[in-house]
Amino acid sequence: MALPVEALRVIYLGLQAAQRAGCESQRVLSLGYPDVLASPEQIGRVFGAGIVEALEFRPDSGEIARWHGMASGTRIVESRHLMALLGYDLEVLDVVEARGGELLHDLNEPVPTRLHRRYALVIDPGTLEHCFNVAQAACNLAEMVAPRGCVFHGNPLNMFNHGFYNFNPTWYRDFYAANGFEIELIEGVADMVRDPKRFEVPLIERFGGVPANASLYVLARRVADTRIRWPVQSKYVSNPALKA
């Protein structure tokens, strides 16, 4: 799982939003180890130049870079250390131990209650689309967000056969609105790693003209502690025939 510079920008917005709202958790959870695909200079522009000299890099940077189609000499920042510099403990949940130290769990099944309301930020760097039981996986993510915390998604909008699913903006809007969250940000992003281009997407209206291989970046913040329920799509909630 990867975090290009645009994803880091939204993640930082999420940490700031949680802090402003008074979230007491100092823990962050990523679904899969989040390989930071950004240069030290890019990281400095997101988090502040003062952080650059303190960055630590993974000893297996060459292997990770090749995995993501990058030059073998690319240095990959150690994600846990980056989060520690920001004042947060990073935990990683995965179905396998890929980078070391992961919490092992299959998101197709309910997460243990000990993980409920635990994290200031839950990072989905491109995991949800690979979970066949996507409703349960989404429920798990929402359950793990601490009061006044946030969840970040970076999922495909039109990457065919990348995973089981592509997602529409209304999916996020309707699921989170039904479950005590507010959407802080939603945007389209194309060419995420090499030359990121952001574009606007409507929350519920139909739209077209999307660049190839685009993703959605979504940030939602918990504003109420409610029981998880399945939403009805907005277009049908607003249908006068259903209100007759």
Protein backbone atom coordinates (compact mmCIF):
# COMPACT_ATOMS: atom_id res chain seq x y z
CA MET A 1 0.00 0.00 0.00
CA ALA A 2 1.34 3.42 -0.94
CA LEU A 3 1.05 7.03 0.18
CA PRO A 4 2.08 9.51 -2.54
CA VAL A 5 2.54 13.16 -1.64
CA GLU A 6 -1.11 14.10 -2.29
CA ALA A 7 -2.25 11.37 0.12
CA LEU A 8 0.17 12.67 2.74
CA ARG A 9 -1.35 16.13 2.34
CA VAL A 10 -4.87 14.83 3.04
CA ILE A 11 -3.65 12.67 5.93
CA TYR A 12 -2.07 15.73 7.53
CA LEU A 13 -5.37 17.58 7.11
CA GLY A 14 -7.04 14.66 8.90
CA LEU A 15 -4.62 14.76 11.82
CA GLN A 16 -5.11 18.50 12.13
CA ALA A 17 -8.91 18.15 11.96
CA ALA A 18 -8.88 15.49 14.69
CA GLN A 19 -6.64 17.62 16.87
CA ARG A 20 -8.78 20.74 16.44
CA ALA A 21 -11.90 18.75 17.30
CA GLY A 22 -10.33 17.52 20.53
CA CYS A 23 -9.66 13.88 19.66
CA GLU A 24 -7.75 12.37 22.57
CA SER A 25 -6.19 9.40 20.77
CA GLN A 26 -2.54 9.59 19.74
CA ARG A 27 -2.70 6.45 17.62
CA VAL A 28 -2.93 6.07 13.84
CA LEU A 29 -3.89 2.85 12.06
CA SER A 30 -2.99 2.00 8.47
CA LEU A 31 -4.57 -0.86 6.54
CA GLY A 32 -1.39 -2.42 5.24
CA TYR A 33 2.03 -0.89 5.77
CA PRO A 34 1.91 2.53 4.09
CA ASP A 35 4.95 2.91 1.83
CA VAL A 36 5.66 6.65 1.64
CA LEU A 37 6.26 7.40 -2.05
CA ALA A 38 7.40 10.99 -1.59
CA SER A 39 10.81 12.60 -1.53
CA PRO A 40 12.16 14.33 1.59
CA GLU A 41 11.58 17.67 -0.15
CA GLN A 42 7.92 16.82 -0.81
CA ILE A 43 7.50 15.64 2.77
CA GLY A 44 8.96 18.93 3.96
CA ARG A 45 6.44 20.88 1.91
CA VAL A 46 3.57 18.94 3.51
CA PHE A 47 4.69 18.72 7.14
CA GLY A 48 7.18 21.58 7.39
CA ALA A 49 10.84 21.84 6.39
CA GLY A 50 12.03 21.18 9.94
CA ILE A 51 11.01 17.53 9.72
CA VAL A 52 13.30 16.66 6.81
CA GLU A 53 16.60 16.32 8.70
CA ALA A 54 15.01 13.98 11.26
CA LEU A 55 13.61 11.52 8.69
CA GLU A 56 14.70 7.89 8.83
CA PHE A 57 14.73 5.58 5.80
CA ARG A 58 14.01 1.91 5.44
CA PRO A 59 16.97 -0.42 4.88
CA ASP A 60 14.89 -2.29 2.27
CA SER A 61 14.18 0.92 0.31
CA GLY A 62 15.49 -0.51 -2.97
CA GLU A 63 13.18 -3.52 -2.83
CA ILE A 64 10.15 -1.37 -1.96
CA ALA A 65 10.98 1.13 -4.71
CA ARG A 66 11.21 -1.60 -7.33
CA TRP A 67 7.87 -3.02 -6.14
CA HIS A 68 6.25 0.34 -6.90
CA GLY A 69 8.04 0.80 -10.24
CA MET A 70 10.39 3.48 -8.93
CA ALA A 71 14.16 3.83 -9.37
CA SER A 72 16.03 1.32 -7.23
CA GLY A 73 18.05 4.10 -5.61
CA THR A 74 14.95 5.80 -4.19
CA ARG A 75 15.02 6.15 -0.41
CA ILE A 76 11.74 5.18 1.29
CA VAL A 77 10.89 6.93 4.53
CA GLU A 78 10.14 4.73 7.53
CA SER A 79 6.43 5.40 8.06
CA ARG A 80 6.31 4.58 11.76
CA HIS A 81 9.11 7.06 12.44
CA LEU A 82 7.39 9.73 10.33
CA MET A 83 4.23 9.39 12.41
CA ALA A 84 6.28 9.47 15.61
CA LEU A 85 7.77 12.80 14.49
CA LEU A 86 4.19 14.07 14.22
CA GLY A 87 3.38 12.81 17.73
CA TYR A 88 1.47 9.63 16.82
CA ASP A 89 2.02 5.89 17.25
CA LEU A 90 1.44 4.07 13.95
CA GLU A 91 -0.10 0.61 14.04
CA VAL A 92 -0.56 -1.47 10.89
CA LEU A 93 -3.31 -4.00 10.27
CA ASP A 94 -3.00 -6.56 7.47
CA VAL A 95 -4.03 -10.07 6.54
CA VAL A 96 -0.33 -11.04 6.34
CA GLU A 97 2.89 -9.79 7.92
CA ALA A 98 4.42 -7.93 4.98
CA ARG A 99 6.80 -5.36 6.51
CA GLY A 100 6.92 -6.66 10.07
CA GLY A 101 4.95 -5.97 13.23
CA GLU A 102 1.47 -5.91 11.67
CA LEU A 103 -1.73 -6.68 13.58
CA LEU A 104 -3.06 -9.69 11.70
CA HIS A 105 -6.74 -9.60 10.76
CA ASP A 106 -8.95 -10.28 7.74
CA LEU A 107 -11.14 -7.20 7.19
CA ASN A 108 -13.81 -9.42 5.65
CA GLU A 109 -14.57 -10.36 9.28
CA PRO A 110 -15.47 -8.08 12.23
CA VAL A 111 -12.50 -6.55 14.00
CA PRO A 112 -12.02 -7.26 17.72
CA THR A 113 -13.85 -4.82 19.98
CA ARG A 114 -10.51 -3.86 21.59
CA LEU A 115 -9.81 -1.92 18.37
CA HIS A 116 -13.09 0.01 18.47
CA ARG A 117 -12.80 3.82 18.94
CA ARG A 118 -9.00 3.48 19.22
CA TYR A 119 -7.48 5.66 16.50
CA ALA A 120 -7.28 9.39 15.79
CA LEU A 121 -6.87 8.53 12.11
CA VAL A 122 -7.57 5.33 10.20
CA ILE A 123 -5.70 5.25 6.87
CA ASP A 124 -7.06 3.24 3.97
CA PRO A 125 -4.24 3.66 1.43
CA GLY A 126 -5.95 1.43 -1.13
CA THR A 127 -7.19 -1.61 0.80
CA LEU A 128 -10.99 -1.42 0.78
CA GLU A 129 -11.27 -2.32 -2.92
CA HIS A 130 -9.49 -5.61 -2.25
CA CYS A 131 -11.95 -6.74 0.44
CA PHE A 132 -14.74 -8.82 -1.06
CA ASN A 133 -17.00 -8.29 1.96
CA VAL A 134 -16.76 -4.54 1.45
CA ALA A 135 -19.68 -3.62 3.73
CA GLN A 136 -18.08 -5.42 6.68
CA ALA A 137 -14.71 -3.86 5.89
CA ALA A 138 -16.27 -0.38 5.82
CA CYS A 139 -18.02 -1.09 9.11
CA ASN A 140 -14.67 -2.13 10.61
CA LEU A 141 -13.03 1.12 9.56
CA ALA A 142 -15.79 3.24 11.04
CA GLU A 143 -15.78 1.27 14.30
CA MET A 144 -12.05 1.85 14.80
CA VAL A 145 -12.19 5.66 14.55
CA ALA A 146 -11.96 7.38 17.93
CA PRO A 147 -14.45 10.08 18.95
CA ARG A 148 -13.74 13.20 16.87
CA GLY A 149 -11.17 11.23 14.85
CA CYS A 150 -10.95 10.84 11.08
CA VAL A 151 -10.73 8.19 8.39
CA PHE A 152 -8.83 8.65 5.12
CA HIS A 153 -9.56 6.69 1.95
CA GLY A 154 -7.52 6.48 -1.23
CA ASN A 155 -9.53 4.11 -3.42
CA PRO A 156 -9.96 3.66 -7.19
CA LEU A 157 -12.58 5.57 -9.10
CA ASN A 158 -11.99 3.87 -12.46
CA MET A 159 -9.12 1.39 -12.22
CA PHE A 160 -10.69 -1.63 -13.84
CA ASN A 161 -9.64 -5.02 -12.39
CA HIS A 162 -7.28 -3.32 -9.94
CA GLY A 163 -9.40 -4.76 -7.14
CA PHE A 164 -12.88 -6.15 -6.67
CA TYR A 165 -14.47 -2.68 -6.71
CA ASN A 166 -14.31 0.90 -7.91
CA PHE A 167 -16.06 3.50 -5.75
CA ASN A 168 -18.38 6.44 -6.33
CA PRO A 169 -18.41 9.63 -4.24
CA THR A 170 -21.99 8.91 -3.14
CA TRP A 171 -20.78 5.67 -1.53
CA TYR A 172 -18.68 7.62 0.98
CA ARG A 173 -21.15 10.45 1.43
CA ASP A 174 -24.09 8.18 2.16
CA PHE A 175 -22.25 5.63 4.32
CA TYR A 176 -20.61 8.22 6.53
CA ALA A 177 -23.66 10.49 6.77
CA ALA A 178 -25.63 7.51 8.07
CA ASN A 179 -23.04 6.68 10.69
CA GLY A 180 -22.17 9.85 12.57
CA PHE A 181 -19.44 11.23 10.30
CA GLU A 182 -19.06 14.39 8.24
CA ILE A 183 -17.16 14.50 4.95
CA GLU A 184 -14.26 16.92 5.39
CA LEU A 185 -12.87 16.48 1.85
CA ILE A 186 -13.49 14.48 -1.28
CA GLU A 187 -11.55 14.92 -4.52
CA GLY A 188 -10.40 13.03 -7.56
CA VAL A 189 -6.70 12.43 -8.18
CA ALA A 190 -5.07 11.18 -11.39
CA ASP A 191 -1.46 10.03 -11.93
CA MET A 192 -1.02 9.97 -8.17
CA VAL A 193 2.68 9.12 -7.90
CA ARG A 194 4.44 10.72 -10.87
CA ASP A 195 2.45 13.88 -11.61
CA PRO A 196 -0.64 14.16 -9.37
CA LYS A 197 -3.56 16.09 -10.80
CA ARG A 198 -6.54 16.91 -8.58
CA PHE A 199 -10.05 17.39 -9.94
CA GLU A 200 -13.42 18.11 -8.39
CA VAL A 201 -16.12 15.45 -8.08
CA PRO A 202 -19.73 16.01 -7.00
CA LEU A 203 -20.93 14.16 -3.93
CA ILE A 204 -24.13 12.66 -5.32
CA GLU A 205 -24.79 13.98 -8.85
CA ARG A 206 -23.83 11.95 -11.90
CA PHE A 207 -20.69 13.07 -13.73
CA GLY A 208 -18.25 12.08 -16.46
CA GLY A 209 -15.02 13.20 -18.10
CA VAL A 210 -12.80 11.45 -15.56
CA PRO A 211 -9.11 10.86 -16.40
CA ALA A 212 -7.99 7.24 -16.77
CA ASN A 213 -6.77 5.37 -13.69
CA ALA A 214 -8.11 7.96 -11.27
CA SER A 215 -8.66 7.59 -7.54
CA LEU A 216 -10.79 9.26 -4.91
CA TYR A 217 -9.25 10.81 -1.82
CA VAL A 218 -11.78 11.10 0.99
CA LEU A 219 -11.52 12.43 4.52
CA ALA A 220 -14.39 11.89 6.97
CA ARG A 221 -14.55 12.91 10.64
CA ARG A 222 -16.58 11.29 13.42
CA VAL A 223 -18.98 13.81 14.97
CA ALA A 224 -21.33 11.39 16.78
CA ASP A 225 -21.09 7.91 18.26
CA THR A 226 -23.84 5.91 16.60
CA ARG A 227 -24.61 2.28 15.87
CA ILE A 228 -23.44 1.29 12.38
CA ARG A 229 -26.30 1.03 9.89
CA TRP A 230 -26.49 0.53 6.15
CA PRO A 231 -27.41 3.66 4.17
CA VAL A 232 -29.99 4.24 1.47
CA GLN A 233 -28.50 6.02 -1.53
CA SER A 234 -29.19 9.77 -1.52
CA LYS A 235 -30.86 9.76 -4.92
CA TYR A 236 -33.55 7.47 -3.56
CA VAL A 237 -33.93 9.18 -0.21
CA SER A 238 -34.77 12.36 -2.11
CA ASN A 239 -37.20 10.61 -4.47
CA PRO A 240 -40.70 12.10 -3.84
CA ALA A 241 -42.28 8.77 -4.76
CA LEU A 242 -40.66 7.17 -1.71
CA LYS A 243 -42.12 9.83 0.58
CA ALA A 244 -45.72 9.46 -0.64
